[in-house]
Amino acid sequence: MARYVLRKLMLQFNLPNLIAGLLFSIIGMSALSYGRKLKLWKPSVIGAVLMVYPYVVWNIWLLWIIGCGLLVTLWFHHDE
């Protein structure tokens, strides 16, 4: 069982997954710091989710769809 999980994790380190994870994590870190500085909870929560979800989602299409959806949500809730 441990070998299967390790092999599954090792197969997910491809370039599109790494780029998406890095991109969405950097944007999430910026949104989190923005929300904490202005004491706004919505950008803080969306930023935290943007930083964490690439570790759980391994499918490249879902990674980009969820990330873009969270960015659109962040765009509409960044100043509330």
PDB file of N, CA and C in Angstrom:
ATOM      1  N   MET A   1       0.827  -1.199   0.000  1.00  0.00           N
ATOM      2  CA  MET A   1       0.000   0.000   0.000  1.00  0.00           C
ATOM      3  C   MET A   1       0.863   1.251   0.000  1.00  0.00           C
ATOM      4  N   ALA A   2       1.898   1.266   0.819  1.00  0.00           N
ATOM      5  CA  ALA A   2       2.771   2.439   0.880  1.00  0.00           C
ATOM      6  C   ALA A   2       3.503   2.638  -0.441  1.00  0.00           C
ATOM      7  N   ARG A   3       3.875   1.542  -1.102  1.00  0.00           N
ATOM      8  CA  ARG A   3       4.541   1.671  -2.399  1.00  0.00           C
ATOM      9  C   ARG A   3       3.617   2.271  -3.442  1.00  0.00           C
ATOM     10  N   TYR A   4       2.348   1.877  -3.412  1.00  0.00           N
ATOM     11  CA  TYR A   4       1.383   2.420  -4.368  1.00  0.00           C
ATOM     12  C   TYR A   4       1.213   3.918  -4.167  1.00  0.00           C
ATOM     13  N   VAL A   5       1.069   4.343  -2.927  1.00  0.00           N
ATOM     14  CA  VAL A   5       0.902   5.771  -2.634  1.00  0.00           C
ATOM     15  C   VAL A   5       2.150   6.533  -3.039  1.00  0.00           C
ATOM     16  N   LEU A   6       3.313   6.003  -2.736  1.00  0.00           N
ATOM     17  CA  LEU A   6       4.561   6.663  -3.097  1.00  0.00           C
ATOM     18  C   LEU A   6       4.697   6.753  -4.618  1.00  0.00           C
ATOM     19  N   ARG A   7       4.375   5.679  -5.330  1.00  0.00           N
ATOM     20  CA  ARG A   7       4.454   5.695  -6.784  1.00  0.00           C
ATOM     21  C   ARG A   7       3.450   6.687  -7.363  1.00  0.00           C
ATOM     22  N   LYS A   8       2.254   6.757  -6.789  1.00  0.00           N
ATOM     23  CA  LYS A   8       1.235   7.693  -7.251  1.00  0.00           C
ATOM     24  C   LYS A   8       1.693   9.128  -7.038  1.00  0.00           C
ATOM     25  N   LEU A   9       2.324   9.409  -5.891  1.00  0.00           N
ATOM     26  CA  LEU A   9       2.828  10.749  -5.625  1.00  0.00           C
ATOM     27  C   LEU A   9       3.978  11.101  -6.553  1.00  0.00           C
ATOM     28  N   MET A  10       4.840  10.167  -6.845  1.00  0.00           N
ATOM     29  CA  MET A  10       5.982  10.439  -7.692  1.00  0.00           C
ATOM     30  C   MET A  10       5.567  10.723  -9.132  1.00  0.00           C
ATOM     31  N   LEU A  11       4.471  10.124  -9.577  1.00  0.00           N
ATOM     32  CA  LEU A  11       4.019  10.360 -10.936  1.00  0.00           C
ATOM     33  C   LEU A  11       3.399  11.745 -11.100  1.00  0.00           C
ATOM     34  N   GLN A  12       3.037  12.387 -10.028  1.00  0.00           N
ATOM     35  CA  GLN A  12       2.361  13.672 -10.117  1.00  0.00           C
ATOM     36  C   GLN A  12       3.319  14.855 -10.162  1.00  0.00           C
ATOM     37  N   PHE A  13       4.599  14.612 -10.102  1.00  0.00           N
ATOM     38  CA  PHE A  13       5.559  15.708 -10.168  1.00  0.00           C
ATOM     39  C   PHE A  13       5.941  15.969 -11.617  1.00  0.00           C
ATOM     40  N   ASN A  14       4.973  16.428 -12.384  1.00  0.00           N
ATOM     41  CA  ASN A  14       5.274  16.813 -13.757  1.00  0.00           C
ATOM     42  C   ASN A  14       5.190  18.332 -13.869  1.00  0.00           C
ATOM     43  N   LEU A  15       5.685  18.861 -14.957  1.00  0.00           N
ATOM     44  CA  LEU A  15       5.847  20.296 -15.102  1.00  0.00           C
ATOM     45  C   LEU A  15       4.533  21.081 -15.009  1.00  0.00           C
ATOM     46  N   PRO A  16       3.446  20.697 -15.677  1.00  0.00           N
ATOM     47  CA  PRO A  16       2.210  21.479 -15.546  1.00  0.00           C
ATOM     48  C   PRO A  16       1.671  21.524 -14.109  1.00  0.00           C
ATOM     49  N   ASN A  17       1.759  20.417 -13.374  1.00  0.00           N
ATOM     50  CA  ASN A  17       1.298  20.424 -11.985  1.00  0.00           C
ATOM     51  C   ASN A  17       2.165  21.334 -11.125  1.00  0.00           C
ATOM     52  N   LEU A  18       3.468  21.295 -11.316  1.00  0.00           N
ATOM     53  CA  LEU A  18       4.362  22.144 -10.535  1.00  0.00           C
ATOM     54  C   LEU A  18       4.145  23.618 -10.838  1.00  0.00           C
ATOM     55  N   ILE A  19       3.970  23.952 -12.109  1.00  0.00           N
ATOM     56  CA  ILE A  19       3.735  25.354 -12.483  1.00  0.00           C
ATOM     57  C   ILE A  19       2.415  25.847 -11.910  1.00  0.00           C
ATOM     58  N   ALA A  20       1.361  25.054 -12.037  1.00  0.00           N
ATOM     59  CA  ALA A  20       0.054  25.452 -11.503  1.00  0.00           C
ATOM     60  C   ALA A  20       0.104  25.601  -9.989  1.00  0.00           C
ATOM     61  N   GLY A  21       0.731  24.646  -9.319  1.00  0.00           N
ATOM     62  CA  GLY A  21       0.823  24.726  -7.868  1.00  0.00           C
ATOM     63  C   GLY A  21       1.607  25.944  -7.403  1.00  0.00           C
ATOM     64  N   LEU A  22       2.698  26.232  -8.076  1.00  0.00           N
ATOM     65  CA  LEU A  22       3.509  27.394  -7.715  1.00  0.00           C
ATOM     66  C   LEU A  22       2.757  28.690  -7.980  1.00  0.00           C
ATOM     67  N   LEU A  23       2.121  28.777  -9.135  1.00  0.00           N
ATOM     68  CA  LEU A  23       1.386  29.989  -9.501  1.00  0.00           C
ATOM     69  C   LEU A  23       0.239  30.272  -8.536  1.00  0.00           C
ATOM     70  N   PHE A  24      -0.594  29.268  -8.293  1.00  0.00           N
ATOM     71  CA  PHE A  24      -1.746  29.481  -7.418  1.00  0.00           C
ATOM     72  C   PHE A  24      -1.320  29.670  -5.963  1.00  0.00           C
ATOM     73  N   SER A  25      -0.235  29.062  -5.545  1.00  0.00           N
ATOM     74  CA  SER A  25       0.245  29.255  -4.174  1.00  0.00           C
ATOM     75  C   SER A  25       0.786  30.663  -3.963  1.00  0.00           C
ATOM     76  N   ILE A  26       1.491  31.204  -4.948  1.00  0.00           N
ATOM     77  CA  ILE A  26       2.010  32.574  -4.833  1.00  0.00           C
ATOM     78  C   ILE A  26       0.867  33.573  -4.795  1.00  0.00           C
ATOM     79  N   ILE A  27      -0.121  33.385  -5.662  1.00  0.00           N
ATOM     80  CA  ILE A  27      -1.280  34.286  -5.655  1.00  0.00           C
ATOM     81  C   ILE A  27      -2.042  34.143  -4.340  1.00  0.00           C
ATOM     82  N   GLY A  28      -2.168  32.920  -3.837  1.00  0.00           N
ATOM     83  CA  GLY A  28      -2.848  32.695  -2.566  1.00  0.00           C
ATOM     84  C   GLY A  28      -2.119  33.336  -1.399  1.00  0.00           C
ATOM     85  N   MET A  29      -0.782  33.275  -1.403  1.00  0.00           N
ATOM     86  CA  MET A  29      -0.009  33.905  -0.342  1.00  0.00           C
ATOM     87  C   MET A  29      -0.205  35.424  -0.369  1.00  0.00           C
ATOM     88  N   SER A  30      -0.255  36.001  -1.563  1.00  0.00           N
ATOM     89  CA  SER A  30      -0.494  37.437  -1.688  1.00  0.00           C
ATOM     90  C   SER A  30      -1.892  37.808  -1.202  1.00  0.00           C
ATOM     91  N   ALA A  31      -2.879  37.012  -1.566  1.00  0.00           N
ATOM     92  CA  ALA A  31      -4.251  37.288  -1.130  1.00  0.00           C
ATOM     93  C   ALA A  31      -4.390  37.137   0.377  1.00  0.00           C
ATOM     94  N   LEU A  32      -3.723  36.151   0.946  1.00  0.00           N
ATOM     95  CA  LEU A  32      -3.775  35.953   2.394  1.00  0.00           C
ATOM     96  C   LEU A  32      -3.152  37.133   3.129  1.00  0.00           C
ATOM     97  N   SER A  33      -2.005  37.592   2.673  1.00  0.00           N
ATOM     98  CA  SER A  33      -1.375  38.725   3.346  1.00  0.00           C
ATOM     99  C   SER A  33      -2.177  40.019   3.157  1.00  0.00           C
ATOM    100  N   TYR A  34      -2.785  40.199   1.975  1.00  0.00           N
ATOM    101  CA  TYR A  34      -3.649  41.348   1.716  1.00  0.00           C
ATOM    102  C   TYR A  34      -4.854  41.335   2.649  1.00  0.00           C
ATOM    103  N   GLY A  35      -5.490  40.178   2.764  1.00  0.00           N
ATOM    104  CA  GLY A  35      -6.669  40.069   3.625  1.00  0.00           C
ATOM    105  C   GLY A  35      -6.338  40.252   5.095  1.00  0.00           C
ATOM    106  N   ARG A  36      -5.184  39.725   5.512  1.00  0.00           N
ATOM    107  CA  ARG A  36      -4.803  39.889   6.920  1.00  0.00           C
ATOM    108  C   ARG A  36      -4.423  41.330   7.228  1.00  0.00           C
ATOM    109  N   LYS A  37      -3.786  42.013   6.277  1.00  0.00           N
ATOM    110  CA  LYS A  37      -3.383  43.394   6.509  1.00  0.00           C
ATOM    111  C   LYS A  37      -4.598  44.308   6.653  1.00  0.00           C
ATOM    112  N   LEU A  38      -5.606  44.083   5.817  1.00  0.00           N
ATOM    113  CA  LEU A  38      -6.808  44.916   5.860  1.00  0.00           C
ATOM    114  C   LEU A  38      -7.905  44.330   6.736  1.00  0.00           C
ATOM    115  N   LYS A  39      -7.626  43.204   7.396  1.00  0.00           N
ATOM    116  CA  LYS A  39      -8.576  42.526   8.275  1.00  0.00           C
ATOM    117  C   LYS A  39      -9.880  42.180   7.553  1.00  0.00           C
ATOM    118  N   LEU A  40      -9.723  41.618   6.347  1.00  0.00           N
ATOM    119  CA  LEU A  40     -10.850  41.131   5.555  1.00  0.00           C
ATOM    120  C   LEU A  40     -10.787  39.614   5.546  1.00  0.00           C
ATOM    121  N   TRP A  41     -11.868  38.949   5.902  1.00  0.00           N
ATOM    122  CA  TRP A  41     -11.811  37.506   6.041  1.00  0.00           C
ATOM    123  C   TRP A  41     -11.965  36.767   4.711  1.00  0.00           C
ATOM    124  N   LYS A  42     -12.710  37.314   3.757  1.00  0.00           N
ATOM    125  CA  LYS A  42     -12.923  36.595   2.497  1.00  0.00           C
ATOM    126  C   LYS A  42     -11.631  36.425   1.692  1.00  0.00           C
ATOM    127  N   PRO A  43     -10.840  37.492   1.458  1.00  0.00           N
ATOM    128  CA  PRO A  43      -9.584  37.263   0.736  1.00  0.00           C
ATOM    129  C   PRO A  43      -8.613  36.374   1.510  1.00  0.00           C
ATOM    130  N   SER A  44      -8.663  36.437   2.825  1.00  0.00           N
ATOM    131  CA  SER A  44      -7.786  35.586   3.630  1.00  0.00           C
ATOM    132  C   SER A  44      -8.132  34.115   3.454  1.00  0.00           C
ATOM    133  N   VAL A  45      -9.413  33.794   3.483  1.00  0.00           N
ATOM    134  CA  VAL A  45      -9.844  32.395   3.338  1.00  0.00           C
ATOM    135  C   VAL A  45      -9.569  31.895   1.919  1.00  0.00           C
ATOM    136  N   ILE A  46      -9.878  32.713   0.924  1.00  0.00           N
ATOM    137  CA  ILE A  46      -9.638  32.308  -0.460  1.00  0.00           C
ATOM    138  C   ILE A  46      -8.139  32.129  -0.697  1.00  0.00           C
ATOM    139  N   GLY A  47      -7.321  33.006  -0.127  1.00  0.00           N
ATOM    140  CA  GLY A  47      -5.875  32.875  -0.253  1.00  0.00           C
ATOM    141  C   GLY A  47      -5.355  31.611   0.397  1.00  0.00           C
ATOM    142  N   ALA A  48      -5.877  31.271   1.560  1.00  0.00           N
ATOM    143  CA  ALA A  48      -5.454  30.039   2.233  1.00  0.00           C
ATOM    144  C   ALA A  48      -5.858  28.806   1.418  1.00  0.00           C
ATOM    145  N   VAL A  49      -7.051  28.833   0.852  1.00  0.00           N
ATOM    146  CA  VAL A  49      -7.498  27.706   0.022  1.00  0.00           C
ATOM    147  C   VAL A  49      -6.639  27.607  -1.238  1.00  0.00           C
ATOM    148  N   LEU A  50      -6.284  28.745  -1.836  1.00  0.00           N
ATOM    149  CA  LEU A  50      -5.421  28.730  -3.013  1.00  0.00           C
ATOM    150  C   LEU A  50      -4.048  28.145  -2.698  1.00  0.00           C
ATOM    151  N   MET A  51      -3.566  28.341  -1.501  1.00  0.00           N
ATOM    152  CA  MET A  51      -2.255  27.804  -1.136  1.00  0.00           C
ATOM    153  C   MET A  51      -2.309  26.312  -0.839  1.00  0.00           C
ATOM    154  N   VAL A  52      -3.431  25.819  -0.332  1.00  0.00           N
ATOM    155  CA  VAL A  52      -3.496  24.442   0.138  1.00  0.00           C
ATOM    156  C   VAL A  52      -4.008  23.467  -0.922  1.00  0.00           C
ATOM    157  N   TYR A  53      -4.943  23.875  -1.757  1.00  0.00           N
ATOM    158  CA  TYR A  53      -5.607  22.906  -2.626  1.00  0.00           C
ATOM    159  C   TYR A  53      -4.690  22.234  -3.645  1.00  0.00           C
ATOM    160  N   PRO A  54      -3.591  22.840  -4.126  1.00  0.00           N
ATOM    161  CA  PRO A  54      -2.737  22.086  -5.066  1.00  0.00           C
ATOM    162  C   PRO A  54      -2.105  20.835  -4.456  1.00  0.00           C
ATOM    163  N   TYR A  55      -2.047  20.751  -3.144  1.00  0.00           N
ATOM    164  CA  TYR A  55      -1.511  19.550  -2.505  1.00  0.00           C
ATOM    165  C   TYR A  55      -2.510  18.396  -2.518  1.00  0.00           C
ATOM    166  N   VAL A  56      -3.796  18.693  -2.694  1.00  0.00           N
ATOM    167  CA  VAL A  56      -4.813  17.663  -2.630  1.00  0.00           C
ATOM    168  C   VAL A  56      -5.324  17.262  -4.011  1.00  0.00           C
ATOM    169  N   VAL A  57      -5.353  18.189  -4.944  1.00  0.00           N
ATOM    170  CA  VAL A  57      -5.867  17.917  -6.283  1.00  0.00           C
ATOM    171  C   VAL A  57      -4.697  17.537  -7.183  1.00  0.00           C
ATOM    172  N   TRP A  58      -4.768  16.340  -7.785  1.00  0.00           N
ATOM    173  CA  TRP A  58      -3.663  15.861  -8.611  1.00  0.00           C
ATOM    174  C   TRP A  58      -3.971  15.909 -10.089  1.00  0.00           C
ATOM    175  N   ASN A  59      -5.221  15.964 -10.454  1.00  0.00           N
ATOM    176  CA  ASN A  59      -5.595  16.011 -11.863  1.00  0.00           C
ATOM    177  C   ASN A  59      -5.316  17.409 -12.397  1.00  0.00           C
ATOM    178  N   ILE A  60      -4.587  17.487 -13.510  1.00  0.00           N
ATOM    179  CA  ILE A  60      -4.162  18.793 -14.022  1.00  0.00           C
ATOM    180  C   ILE A  60      -5.343  19.656 -14.455  1.00  0.00           C
ATOM    181  N   TRP A  61      -6.375  19.032 -15.035  1.00  0.00           N
ATOM    182  CA  TRP A  61      -7.541  19.820 -15.462  1.00  0.00           C
ATOM    183  C   TRP A  61      -8.309  20.363 -14.268  1.00  0.00           C
ATOM    184  N   LEU A  62      -8.509  19.531 -13.266  1.00  0.00           N
ATOM    185  CA  LEU A  62      -9.191  20.009 -12.061  1.00  0.00           C
ATOM    186  C   LEU A  62      -8.375  21.073 -11.346  1.00  0.00           C
ATOM    187  N   LEU A  63      -7.070  20.917 -11.363  1.00  0.00           N
ATOM    188  CA  LEU A  63      -6.190  21.892 -10.720  1.00  0.00           C
ATOM    189  C   LEU A  63      -6.374  23.273 -11.338  1.00  0.00           C
ATOM    190  N   TRP A  64      -6.372  23.342 -12.661  1.00  0.00           N
ATOM    191  CA  TRP A  64      -6.528  24.629 -13.336  1.00  0.00           C
ATOM    192  C   TRP A  64      -7.959  25.162 -13.239  1.00  0.00           C
ATOM    193  N   ILE A  65      -8.962  24.285 -13.322  1.00  0.00           N
ATOM    194  CA  ILE A  65     -10.354  24.749 -13.245  1.00  0.00           C
ATOM    195  C   ILE A  65     -10.665  25.298 -11.860  1.00  0.00           C
ATOM    196  N   ILE A  66     -10.277  24.572 -10.823  1.00  0.00           N
ATOM    197  CA  ILE A  66     -10.525  25.039  -9.456  1.00  0.00           C
ATOM    198  C   ILE A  66      -9.738  26.311  -9.179  1.00  0.00           C
ATOM    199  N   GLY A  67      -8.491  26.356  -9.632  1.00  0.00           N
ATOM    200  CA  GLY A  67      -7.675  27.552  -9.420  1.00  0.00           C
ATOM    201  C   GLY A  67      -8.250  28.784 -10.084  1.00  0.00           C
ATOM    202  N   CYS A  68      -8.678  28.643 -11.329  1.00  0.00           N
ATOM    203  CA  CYS A  68      -9.284  29.787 -12.030  1.00  0.00           C
ATOM    204  C   CYS A  68     -10.608  30.189 -11.384  1.00  0.00           C
ATOM    205  N   GLY A  69     -11.377  29.209 -10.932  1.00  0.00           N
ATOM    206  CA  GLY A  69     -12.623  29.529 -10.222  1.00  0.00           C
ATOM    207  C   GLY A  69     -12.366  30.282  -8.927  1.00  0.00           C
ATOM    208  N   LEU A  70     -11.338  29.871  -8.196  1.00  0.00           N
ATOM    209  CA  LEU A  70     -10.993  30.587  -6.961  1.00  0.00           C
ATOM    210  C   LEU A  70     -10.471  31.986  -7.254  1.00  0.00           C
ATOM    211  N   LEU A  71      -9.745  32.156  -8.351  1.00  0.00           N
ATOM    212  CA  LEU A  71      -9.263  33.491  -8.710  1.00  0.00           C
ATOM    213  C   LEU A  71     -10.415  34.416  -9.094  1.00  0.00           C
ATOM    214  N   VAL A  72     -11.413  33.878  -9.801  1.00  0.00           N
ATOM    215  CA  VAL A  72     -12.598  34.687 -10.134  1.00  0.00           C
ATOM    216  C   VAL A  72     -13.342  35.057  -8.858  1.00  0.00           C
ATOM    217  N   THR A  73     -13.461  34.113  -7.939  1.00  0.00           N
ATOM    218  CA  THR A  73     -14.103  34.399  -6.654  1.00  0.00           C
ATOM    219  C   THR A  73     -13.324  35.459  -5.880  1.00  0.00           C
ATOM    220  N   LEU A  74     -12.013  35.362  -5.911  1.00  0.00           N
ATOM    221  CA  LEU A  74     -11.179  36.361  -5.241  1.00  0.00           C
ATOM    222  C   LEU A  74     -11.359  37.731  -5.871  1.00  0.00           C
ATOM    223  N   TRP A  75     -11.490  37.775  -7.184  1.00  0.00           N
ATOM    224  CA  TRP A  75     -11.664  39.051  -7.877  1.00  0.00           C
ATOM    225  C   TRP A  75     -12.955  39.750  -7.423  1.00  0.00           C
ATOM    226  N   PHE A  76     -14.025  38.986  -7.233  1.00  0.00           N
ATOM    227  CA  PHE A  76     -15.300  39.596  -6.851  1.00  0.00           C
ATOM    228  C   PHE A  76     -15.404  39.864  -5.354  1.00  0.00           C
ATOM    229  N   HIS A  77     -14.561  39.240  -4.527  1.00  0.00           N
ATOM    230  CA  HIS A  77     -14.655  39.419  -3.080  1.00  0.00           C
ATOM    231  C   HIS A  77     -13.382  40.005  -2.471  1.00  0.00           C
ATOM    232  N   HIS A  78     -12.575  40.687  -3.234  1.00  0.00           N
ATOM    233  CA  HIS A  78     -11.314  41.175  -2.689  1.00  0.00           C
ATOM    234  C   HIS A  78     -11.456  42.427  -1.818  1.00  0.00           C
ATOM    235  N   ASP A  79     -12.561  43.134  -1.929  1.00  0.00           N
ATOM    236  CA  ASP A  79     -12.680  44.379  -1.159  1.00  0.00           C
ATOM    237  C   ASP A  79     -13.893  44.394  -0.226  1.00  0.00           C
ATOM    238  N   GLU A  80     -14.483  43.258   0.023  1.00  0.00           N
ATOM    239  CA  GLU A  80     -15.666  43.231   0.906  1.00  0.00           C
ATOM    240  C   GLU A  80     -15.277  42.949   2.326  1.00  0.00           C
TER     241      GLU A  80
END
